[in-house]
N, C-alpha and C. Protein backbone atom coordinates (compact mmCIF):
# COMPACT_ATOMS: atom_id res chain seq x y z
N UNK A 1 49.93 -0.04 2.58
CA UNK A 1 48.59 -0.02 3.15
C UNK A 1 48.01 -1.44 3.17
N UNK A 2 47.41 -1.81 4.28
CA UNK A 2 46.81 -3.14 4.37
C UNK A 2 45.48 -3.17 3.62
N UNK A 3 45.01 -4.37 3.37
CA UNK A 3 43.73 -4.53 2.65
C UNK A 3 42.60 -3.86 3.43
N UNK A 4 42.66 -4.00 4.77
CA UNK A 4 41.60 -3.42 5.59
C UNK A 4 41.59 -1.90 5.47
N UNK A 5 42.76 -1.27 5.55
CA UNK A 5 42.80 0.19 5.48
C UNK A 5 42.44 0.68 4.09
N UNK A 6 42.74 -0.12 3.05
CA UNK A 6 42.34 0.27 1.69
C UNK A 6 40.82 0.26 1.57
N UNK A 7 40.19 -0.79 2.12
CA UNK A 7 38.73 -0.87 2.07
C UNK A 7 38.11 0.29 2.84
N UNK A 8 38.66 0.55 4.00
CA UNK A 8 38.14 1.62 4.84
C UNK A 8 38.29 2.96 4.12
N UNK A 9 39.45 3.16 3.50
CA UNK A 9 39.73 4.40 2.78
C UNK A 9 38.77 4.56 1.60
N UNK A 10 38.55 3.47 0.85
CA UNK A 10 37.66 3.50 -0.31
C UNK A 10 36.23 3.82 0.14
N UNK A 11 35.82 3.27 1.25
CA UNK A 11 34.47 3.48 1.76
C UNK A 11 34.24 4.94 2.12
N UNK A 12 35.27 5.60 2.66
CA UNK A 12 35.12 7.00 3.05
C UNK A 12 35.02 7.91 1.83
N UNK A 13 35.65 7.52 0.73
CA UNK A 13 35.63 8.36 -0.47
C UNK A 13 34.34 8.25 -1.25
N UNK A 14 33.65 7.13 -1.12
CA UNK A 14 32.40 6.95 -1.87
C UNK A 14 31.29 7.77 -1.24
N UNK A 15 30.59 8.58 -2.04
CA UNK A 15 29.46 9.31 -1.48
C UNK A 15 28.31 8.36 -1.16
N UNK A 16 27.41 8.82 -0.34
CA UNK A 16 26.24 8.01 0.01
C UNK A 16 25.44 7.75 -1.26
N UNK A 17 24.85 6.58 -1.39
CA UNK A 17 24.07 6.29 -2.60
C UNK A 17 22.91 7.27 -2.73
N UNK A 18 22.66 7.67 -3.93
CA UNK A 18 21.57 8.61 -4.21
C UNK A 18 20.23 7.88 -4.08
N UNK A 19 19.26 8.56 -3.55
CA UNK A 19 17.93 7.96 -3.47
C UNK A 19 17.26 8.11 -4.83
N UNK A 20 16.33 7.27 -5.08
CA UNK A 20 15.60 7.34 -6.34
C UNK A 20 14.88 8.68 -6.42
N UNK A 21 14.86 9.33 -7.60
CA UNK A 21 14.23 10.65 -7.70
C UNK A 21 12.79 10.69 -7.21
N UNK A 22 12.05 9.61 -7.41
CA UNK A 22 10.65 9.61 -7.01
C UNK A 22 10.48 9.30 -5.52
N UNK A 23 11.58 8.94 -4.84
CA UNK A 23 11.46 8.56 -3.43
C UNK A 23 10.94 9.71 -2.58
N UNK A 24 11.33 10.93 -2.93
CA UNK A 24 10.85 12.07 -2.15
C UNK A 24 9.38 12.37 -2.45
N UNK A 25 8.91 11.93 -3.60
CA UNK A 25 7.52 12.16 -3.99
C UNK A 25 6.73 10.85 -3.93
N UNK A 26 7.13 9.97 -3.05
CA UNK A 26 6.53 8.64 -2.99
C UNK A 26 5.03 8.73 -2.70
N UNK A 27 4.29 7.86 -3.34
CA UNK A 27 2.84 7.79 -3.14
C UNK A 27 2.58 6.81 -2.00
N UNK A 28 1.70 7.17 -1.07
CA UNK A 28 1.41 6.26 0.06
C UNK A 28 0.88 4.91 -0.41
N UNK A 29 1.09 3.91 0.40
CA UNK A 29 0.70 2.55 0.02
C UNK A 29 -0.81 2.43 -0.21
N UNK A 30 -1.62 3.15 0.59
CA UNK A 30 -3.07 3.03 0.39
C UNK A 30 -3.47 3.50 -1.00
N UNK A 31 -2.79 4.52 -1.53
CA UNK A 31 -3.09 5.04 -2.87
C UNK A 31 -2.71 4.00 -3.92
N UNK A 32 -1.52 3.41 -3.77
CA UNK A 32 -1.05 2.40 -4.73
C UNK A 32 -1.97 1.18 -4.72
N UNK A 33 -2.41 0.77 -3.53
CA UNK A 33 -3.30 -0.39 -3.40
C UNK A 33 -4.60 -0.15 -4.15
N UNK A 34 -5.20 1.03 -3.94
CA UNK A 34 -6.49 1.33 -4.58
C UNK A 34 -6.35 1.46 -6.09
N UNK A 35 -5.26 2.06 -6.55
CA UNK A 35 -5.03 2.20 -7.99
C UNK A 35 -4.84 0.83 -8.62
N UNK A 36 -4.04 -0.01 -7.96
CA UNK A 36 -3.73 -1.35 -8.47
C UNK A 36 -5.00 -2.16 -8.71
N UNK A 37 -5.97 -2.01 -7.83
CA UNK A 37 -7.21 -2.80 -7.93
C UNK A 37 -8.32 -2.05 -8.66
N UNK A 38 -7.96 -0.91 -9.25
CA UNK A 38 -8.92 -0.19 -10.08
C UNK A 38 -10.04 0.51 -9.31
N UNK A 39 -9.82 0.77 -8.03
CA UNK A 39 -10.87 1.40 -7.23
C UNK A 39 -10.82 2.93 -7.31
N UNK A 40 -9.67 3.48 -7.69
CA UNK A 40 -9.55 4.94 -7.88
C UNK A 40 -8.67 5.20 -9.09
N UNK A 41 -8.75 6.44 -9.58
CA UNK A 41 -7.86 6.88 -10.65
C UNK A 41 -6.53 7.27 -10.03
N UNK A 42 -5.47 7.14 -10.80
CA UNK A 42 -4.13 7.48 -10.30
C UNK A 42 -4.02 8.96 -9.94
N UNK A 43 -4.86 9.79 -10.55
CA UNK A 43 -4.79 11.24 -10.36
C UNK A 43 -5.58 11.73 -9.14
N UNK A 44 -6.29 10.84 -8.47
CA UNK A 44 -7.08 11.25 -7.30
C UNK A 44 -6.15 11.78 -6.21
N UNK A 45 -6.55 12.87 -5.56
CA UNK A 45 -5.71 13.48 -4.52
C UNK A 45 -5.54 12.51 -3.35
N UNK A 46 -4.45 12.68 -2.61
CA UNK A 46 -4.16 11.78 -1.49
C UNK A 46 -5.23 11.84 -0.40
N UNK A 47 -5.71 13.03 -0.01
CA UNK A 47 -6.78 13.04 1.01
C UNK A 47 -8.04 12.31 0.55
N UNK A 48 -8.42 12.51 -0.72
CA UNK A 48 -9.61 11.81 -1.24
C UNK A 48 -9.36 10.30 -1.33
N UNK A 49 -8.14 9.93 -1.72
CA UNK A 49 -7.80 8.51 -1.81
C UNK A 49 -7.86 7.87 -0.43
N UNK A 50 -7.42 8.61 0.59
CA UNK A 50 -7.46 8.05 1.95
C UNK A 50 -8.90 7.85 2.40
N UNK A 51 -9.77 8.79 2.06
CA UNK A 51 -11.19 8.64 2.40
C UNK A 51 -11.76 7.38 1.75
N UNK A 52 -11.39 7.17 0.48
CA UNK A 52 -11.86 5.97 -0.22
C UNK A 52 -11.30 4.72 0.45
N UNK A 53 -10.02 4.78 0.85
CA UNK A 53 -9.39 3.63 1.50
C UNK A 53 -10.13 3.29 2.80
N UNK A 54 -10.51 4.30 3.54
CA UNK A 54 -11.26 4.06 4.78
C UNK A 54 -12.61 3.42 4.48
N UNK A 55 -13.25 3.87 3.40
CA UNK A 55 -14.54 3.28 3.02
C UNK A 55 -14.36 1.83 2.58
N UNK A 56 -13.27 1.57 1.84
CA UNK A 56 -12.98 0.20 1.42
C UNK A 56 -12.77 -0.67 2.65
N UNK A 57 -11.99 -0.17 3.61
CA UNK A 57 -11.73 -0.92 4.83
C UNK A 57 -12.97 -1.16 5.67
N UNK A 58 -13.96 -0.26 5.55
CA UNK A 58 -15.20 -0.38 6.32
C UNK A 58 -16.22 -1.28 5.63
N UNK A 59 -15.96 -1.64 4.39
CA UNK A 59 -16.90 -2.48 3.64
C UNK A 59 -16.95 -3.88 4.28
N UNK A 60 -18.16 -4.39 4.52
CA UNK A 60 -18.31 -5.69 5.19
C UNK A 60 -17.59 -6.84 4.48
N UNK A 61 -17.62 -6.85 3.15
CA UNK A 61 -16.95 -7.93 2.41
C UNK A 61 -15.44 -7.88 2.61
N UNK A 62 -14.88 -6.68 2.56
CA UNK A 62 -13.44 -6.52 2.74
C UNK A 62 -13.06 -6.88 4.17
N UNK A 63 -13.88 -6.46 5.13
CA UNK A 63 -13.59 -6.79 6.54
C UNK A 63 -13.57 -8.30 6.76
N UNK A 64 -14.53 -8.99 6.13
CA UNK A 64 -14.60 -10.44 6.28
C UNK A 64 -13.33 -11.09 5.73
N UNK A 65 -12.90 -10.67 4.55
CA UNK A 65 -11.69 -11.23 3.96
C UNK A 65 -10.45 -10.82 4.75
N UNK A 66 -10.44 -9.59 5.25
CA UNK A 66 -9.29 -9.10 6.01
C UNK A 66 -9.13 -9.88 7.31
N UNK A 67 -10.25 -10.22 7.94
CA UNK A 67 -10.18 -11.01 9.19
C UNK A 67 -9.54 -12.37 8.93
N UNK A 68 -9.88 -12.98 7.80
CA UNK A 68 -9.27 -14.27 7.44
C UNK A 68 -7.76 -14.11 7.29
N UNK A 69 -7.34 -13.06 6.61
CA UNK A 69 -5.91 -12.80 6.40
C UNK A 69 -5.22 -12.54 7.72
N UNK A 70 -5.83 -11.69 8.56
CA UNK A 70 -5.21 -11.32 9.84
C UNK A 70 -5.06 -12.54 10.75
N UNK A 71 -6.07 -13.40 10.76
CA UNK A 71 -6.01 -14.58 11.61
C UNK A 71 -4.90 -15.51 11.16
N UNK A 72 -4.77 -15.64 9.86
CA UNK A 72 -3.76 -16.54 9.31
C UNK A 72 -2.34 -16.07 9.55
N UNK A 73 -2.12 -14.77 9.52
CA UNK A 73 -0.76 -14.24 9.64
C UNK A 73 -0.43 -13.67 11.00
N UNK A 74 -1.38 -13.60 11.91
CA UNK A 74 -1.17 -13.04 13.25
C UNK A 74 -0.55 -11.64 13.18
N UNK A 75 -1.13 -10.78 12.35
CA UNK A 75 -0.60 -9.43 12.18
C UNK A 75 -1.02 -8.56 13.36
N UNK A 76 -0.07 -7.78 13.88
CA UNK A 76 -0.39 -6.93 15.02
C UNK A 76 0.10 -5.50 14.86
N UNK A 77 0.97 -5.21 13.89
CA UNK A 77 1.49 -3.86 13.77
C UNK A 77 0.67 -3.03 12.79
N UNK A 78 0.83 -1.72 12.86
CA UNK A 78 -0.02 -0.78 12.11
C UNK A 78 0.02 -1.00 10.60
N UNK A 79 1.20 -1.15 9.96
CA UNK A 79 1.18 -1.35 8.51
C UNK A 79 0.42 -2.59 8.09
N UNK A 80 0.16 -3.48 9.05
CA UNK A 80 -0.57 -4.69 8.73
C UNK A 80 -1.97 -4.38 8.21
N UNK A 81 -2.55 -3.27 8.64
CA UNK A 81 -3.87 -2.88 8.16
C UNK A 81 -3.83 -2.69 6.64
N UNK A 82 -2.79 -2.00 6.16
CA UNK A 82 -2.66 -1.79 4.71
C UNK A 82 -2.41 -3.11 4.01
N UNK A 83 -1.53 -3.92 4.58
CA UNK A 83 -1.20 -5.20 3.97
C UNK A 83 -2.41 -6.13 3.95
N UNK A 84 -3.13 -6.19 5.08
CA UNK A 84 -4.30 -7.06 5.16
C UNK A 84 -5.38 -6.61 4.18
N UNK A 85 -5.57 -5.30 4.06
CA UNK A 85 -6.56 -4.79 3.11
C UNK A 85 -6.13 -5.11 1.69
N UNK A 86 -4.84 -4.92 1.39
CA UNK A 86 -4.33 -5.24 0.06
C UNK A 86 -4.52 -6.72 -0.26
N UNK A 87 -4.24 -7.56 0.72
CA UNK A 87 -4.39 -9.01 0.51
C UNK A 87 -5.86 -9.39 0.36
N UNK A 88 -6.73 -8.70 1.10
CA UNK A 88 -8.17 -8.97 0.98
C UNK A 88 -8.64 -8.58 -0.43
N UNK A 89 -8.19 -7.43 -0.92
CA UNK A 89 -8.58 -6.99 -2.26
C UNK A 89 -8.03 -7.95 -3.31
N UNK A 90 -6.82 -8.44 -3.07
CA UNK A 90 -6.20 -9.37 -4.01
C UNK A 90 -6.99 -10.67 -4.09
N UNK A 91 -7.62 -11.03 -2.99
CA UNK A 91 -8.40 -12.27 -2.96
C UNK A 91 -9.78 -12.13 -3.59
N UNK A 92 -10.14 -10.93 -3.98
CA UNK A 92 -11.46 -10.71 -4.56
C UNK A 92 -11.42 -10.90 -6.08
N UNK A 93 -12.53 -11.38 -6.62
CA UNK A 93 -12.63 -11.52 -8.08
C UNK A 93 -12.89 -10.15 -8.70
N UNK A 94 -12.75 -10.08 -10.02
CA UNK A 94 -13.01 -8.82 -10.72
C UNK A 94 -14.45 -8.36 -10.49
N UNK A 95 -15.36 -9.30 -10.46
CA UNK A 95 -16.77 -8.97 -10.23
C UNK A 95 -16.97 -8.41 -8.82
N UNK A 96 -16.32 -9.01 -7.83
CA UNK A 96 -16.43 -8.52 -6.45
C UNK A 96 -15.82 -7.12 -6.33
N UNK A 97 -14.70 -6.90 -7.02
CA UNK A 97 -14.08 -5.57 -7.01
C UNK A 97 -14.98 -4.53 -7.65
N UNK A 98 -15.65 -4.92 -8.74
CA UNK A 98 -16.57 -3.99 -9.41
C UNK A 98 -17.74 -3.62 -8.51
N UNK A 99 -18.30 -4.62 -7.81
CA UNK A 99 -19.42 -4.33 -6.91
C UNK A 99 -18.96 -3.49 -5.73
N UNK A 100 -17.73 -3.72 -5.26
CA UNK A 100 -17.16 -2.89 -4.20
C UNK A 100 -17.02 -1.45 -4.67
N UNK A 101 -16.53 -1.29 -5.89
CA UNK A 101 -16.36 0.05 -6.46
C UNK A 101 -17.71 0.77 -6.54
N UNK A 102 -18.75 0.05 -6.94
CA UNK A 102 -20.10 0.65 -7.01
C UNK A 102 -20.60 1.04 -5.63
N UNK A 103 -20.38 0.18 -4.62
CA UNK A 103 -20.80 0.50 -3.26
C UNK A 103 -20.11 1.74 -2.74
N UNK A 104 -18.81 1.85 -3.03
CA UNK A 104 -18.05 3.02 -2.56
C UNK A 104 -18.53 4.29 -3.25
N UNK A 105 -18.80 4.19 -4.55
CA UNK A 105 -19.28 5.37 -5.29
C UNK A 105 -20.66 5.80 -4.81
N UNK A 106 -21.49 4.83 -4.41
CA UNK A 106 -22.82 5.18 -3.85
C UNK A 106 -22.65 5.97 -2.57
N UNK A 107 -21.70 5.52 -1.73
CA UNK A 107 -21.47 6.20 -0.45
C UNK A 107 -20.88 7.59 -0.66
N UNK A 108 -20.13 7.76 -1.72
CA UNK A 108 -19.47 9.05 -1.97
C UNK A 108 -20.46 10.10 -2.44
N UNK A 109 -21.51 9.67 -3.10
CA UNK A 109 -22.48 10.63 -3.67
C UNK A 109 -23.37 11.24 -2.61
């Protein structure tokens, strides 16, 4: 058997790599972004987390920072909204994040 046919044969015998057990239960990026920045609890339901994410995205301070990020990176595809929002939140100080959290909670009540 040649080296090529041995490699080909070995490749056919190997099963497909297993996906990570949590991959099927993956949490959406908007949920991870909000949890990372302390804007929601990890246990908040996905629909509620998405509502909060939309409120965060609608916040004037976040929009201002997001525009700076978008202009700098020339983002045009849909996931860019999540990335730009995440980058905007990352650029905020702890104090700015706390005031954002208070504004969102006021809107939720």
